[in-house]
């Protein structure tokens, strides 16, 4: 084997090792987010403008307030809209508990949601996707969930 063939062989081995190392590093450090959580700013047709953060449970530092972005989320015919009615305690119930309550113990009911509901002020949503949406300015949601408080009479 002459020098040029040995050099080519060494070059290919080093290149392959670099590609393998690079792919491993990329896979390990890649941010994965399949949800966006935020407050609805506007709704036009089936386009929802939301200010919030990508849900990155493995990297919670990326969910801090300084990482907030405004993006557009689309709802198509495949998007499942879920409204969760949250029944809040009455003034009398709050008096009995010193004004405190555990939200996880409150009555909740799920029903079909609507884009019209999202036009109300200060609605927070959790938009899910089947693919990684981290860094996307736009995506079509597979599911959009929101909570609507129900106040006692």
Protein backbone atom coordinates (compact mmCIF):
# COMPACT_ATOMS: atom_id res chain seq x y z
CA UNK A 1 0.00 0.00 0.00
CA UNK A 2 1.49 3.31 -0.97
CA UNK A 3 1.46 6.47 1.18
CA UNK A 4 -1.56 8.09 -0.51
CA UNK A 5 -3.75 5.01 0.09
CA UNK A 6 -2.65 4.83 3.76
CA UNK A 7 -3.39 8.54 4.15
CA UNK A 8 -6.84 8.07 2.57
CA UNK A 9 -7.58 5.11 4.88
CA UNK A 10 -6.52 7.06 8.00
CA UNK A 11 -8.54 10.08 6.81
CA UNK A 12 -11.68 7.95 6.33
CA UNK A 13 -11.29 6.32 9.76
CA UNK A 14 -10.88 9.73 11.45
CA UNK A 15 -13.83 11.13 9.49
CA UNK A 16 -16.05 8.19 10.48
CA UNK A 17 -15.03 8.53 14.15
CA UNK A 18 -15.83 12.26 13.98
CA UNK A 19 -19.26 11.63 12.48
CA UNK A 20 -20.07 9.00 15.13
CA UNK A 21 -18.88 11.27 17.95
CA UNK A 22 -20.73 14.28 16.49
CA UNK A 23 -24.00 12.37 16.11
CA UNK A 24 -23.75 11.08 19.69
CA UNK A 25 -23.10 14.59 21.03
CA UNK A 26 -25.95 16.06 18.95
CA UNK A 27 -28.39 13.37 20.09
CA UNK A 28 -27.43 13.82 23.74
CA UNK A 29 -27.67 17.64 23.71
CA UNK A 30 -30.71 18.01 21.46
CA UNK A 31 -33.68 19.74 23.09
CA UNK A 32 -36.97 17.86 22.78
CA UNK A 33 -40.30 19.62 23.35
CA UNK A 34 -43.63 18.27 22.19
CA UNK A 35 -45.70 20.86 24.08
CA UNK A 36 -45.99 24.62 24.25
CA UNK A 37 -47.59 26.22 27.31
CA UNK A 38 -48.72 29.82 27.35
CA UNK A 39 -51.33 32.55 27.27
CA UNK A 40 -53.48 33.15 24.20
CA UNK A 41 -52.88 36.59 22.70
CA UNK A 42 -55.27 36.32 19.75
CA UNK A 43 -57.31 33.90 17.67
CA UNK A 44 -57.99 34.41 13.97
CA UNK A 45 -59.72 31.57 12.17
CA UNK A 46 -57.86 28.44 13.26
CA UNK A 47 -54.61 30.30 14.05
CA UNK A 48 -53.83 30.95 17.72
CA UNK A 49 -51.07 33.36 18.73
CA UNK A 50 -49.63 32.28 22.08
CA UNK A 51 -46.95 33.74 24.34
CA UNK A 52 -45.26 31.11 26.46
CA UNK A 53 -42.54 28.49 26.74
CA UNK A 54 -41.74 25.12 25.23
CA UNK A 55 -42.34 22.32 27.74
CA UNK A 56 -38.94 20.72 28.29
CA UNK A 57 -39.19 18.50 31.40
CA UNK A 58 -35.63 17.22 30.92
CA UNK A 59 -34.30 20.79 30.82
CA UNK A 60 -36.50 22.89 33.17
CA UNK A 61 -34.16 25.89 32.86
CA UNK A 62 -35.56 26.34 29.33
CA UNK A 63 -39.04 26.91 30.81
CA UNK A 64 -38.03 30.07 32.73
CA UNK A 65 -39.85 33.37 32.12
CA UNK A 66 -36.86 34.84 30.26
CA UNK A 67 -37.27 32.10 27.61
CA UNK A 68 -40.83 33.18 26.69
CA UNK A 69 -41.62 33.40 22.99
CA UNK A 70 -44.62 34.32 20.91
CA UNK A 71 -45.54 31.68 18.35
CA UNK A 72 -48.49 30.68 16.17
CA UNK A 73 -50.30 27.41 16.79
CA UNK A 74 -52.73 26.02 14.25
CA UNK A 75 -55.80 23.91 15.00
CA UNK A 76 -56.93 21.73 12.10
CA UNK A 77 -59.69 19.13 11.78
CA UNK A 78 -57.43 16.57 13.52
CA UNK A 79 -56.75 18.80 16.55
CA UNK A 80 -58.51 17.71 19.71
CA UNK A 81 -59.73 20.70 21.78
CA UNK A 82 -60.30 19.83 25.44
CA UNK A 83 -61.93 22.17 27.97
CA UNK A 84 -61.43 21.29 31.62
CA UNK A 85 -64.02 22.89 33.88
CA UNK A 86 -62.53 23.52 37.32
CA UNK A 87 -65.10 24.06 40.07
CA UNK A 88 -63.79 26.63 42.55
CA UNK A 89 -64.74 26.57 46.24
CA UNK A 90 -67.42 28.89 47.60
CA UNK A 91 -66.72 31.72 50.04
CA UNK A 92 -68.17 29.58 52.82
CA UNK A 93 -65.87 26.66 51.96
CA UNK A 94 -62.89 29.01 51.87
CA UNK A 95 -63.87 30.40 55.29
CA UNK A 96 -63.78 26.87 56.71
CA UNK A 97 -60.27 26.28 55.33
CA UNK A 98 -58.78 29.66 56.19
CA UNK A 99 -58.93 30.79 52.54
CA UNK A 100 -56.81 27.93 51.25
CA UNK A 101 -57.60 25.02 49.00
CA UNK A 102 -55.76 22.28 47.14
CA UNK A 103 -56.44 22.66 43.39
CA UNK A 104 -55.74 18.95 42.81
CA UNK A 105 -58.74 18.07 45.01
CA UNK A 106 -61.25 20.30 43.23
CA UNK A 107 -63.95 18.83 41.02
CA UNK A 108 -62.99 18.79 37.33
CA UNK A 109 -64.93 17.88 34.21
CA UNK A 110 -63.61 17.48 30.68
CA UNK A 111 -65.66 18.38 27.63
CA UNK A 112 -65.13 19.37 24.01
CA UNK A 113 -63.50 22.76 23.70
CA UNK A 114 -63.78 25.41 21.01
CA UNK A 115 -61.62 28.06 19.40
CA UNK A 116 -64.29 30.58 20.38
CA UNK A 117 -63.55 29.88 24.08
CA UNK A 118 -59.90 30.79 23.49
CA UNK A 119 -60.88 34.35 22.53
CA UNK A 120 -61.65 35.16 26.18
CA UNK A 121 -59.04 37.16 28.09
CA UNK A 122 -56.11 35.46 29.83
CA UNK A 123 -56.77 31.90 28.68
CA UNK A 124 -53.79 29.64 29.24
CA UNK A 125 -53.36 26.63 27.01
CA UNK A 126 -51.18 23.54 26.69
CA UNK A 127 -50.71 22.71 23.02
CA UNK A 128 -49.36 19.25 22.25
CA UNK A 129 -47.70 17.94 19.10
CA UNK A 130 -46.70 14.50 17.88
CA UNK A 131 -43.31 15.85 16.79
CA UNK A 132 -40.54 17.94 18.34
CA UNK A 133 -41.58 21.60 18.10
CA UNK A 134 -38.71 23.15 20.08
CA UNK A 135 -37.65 26.39 18.41
CA UNK A 136 -40.58 26.36 15.96
CA UNK A 137 -42.38 29.64 15.37
CA UNK A 138 -45.39 27.74 14.01
CA UNK A 139 -46.86 24.26 14.41
CA UNK A 140 -50.15 22.39 14.11
CA UNK A 141 -51.29 21.00 17.45
CA UNK A 142 -52.58 17.46 17.90
CA UNK A 143 -54.31 18.53 21.13
CA UNK A 144 -55.06 21.83 22.88
CA UNK A 145 -56.12 21.81 26.53
CA UNK A 146 -57.32 24.71 28.64
CA UNK A 147 -58.98 25.25 32.00
CA UNK A 148 -62.17 27.22 32.46
CA UNK A 149 -62.90 28.12 36.08
CA UNK A 150 -66.47 27.60 37.31
CA UNK A 151 -67.37 29.98 40.11
CA UNK A 152 -69.91 29.02 42.78
CA UNK A 153 -73.35 30.65 42.71
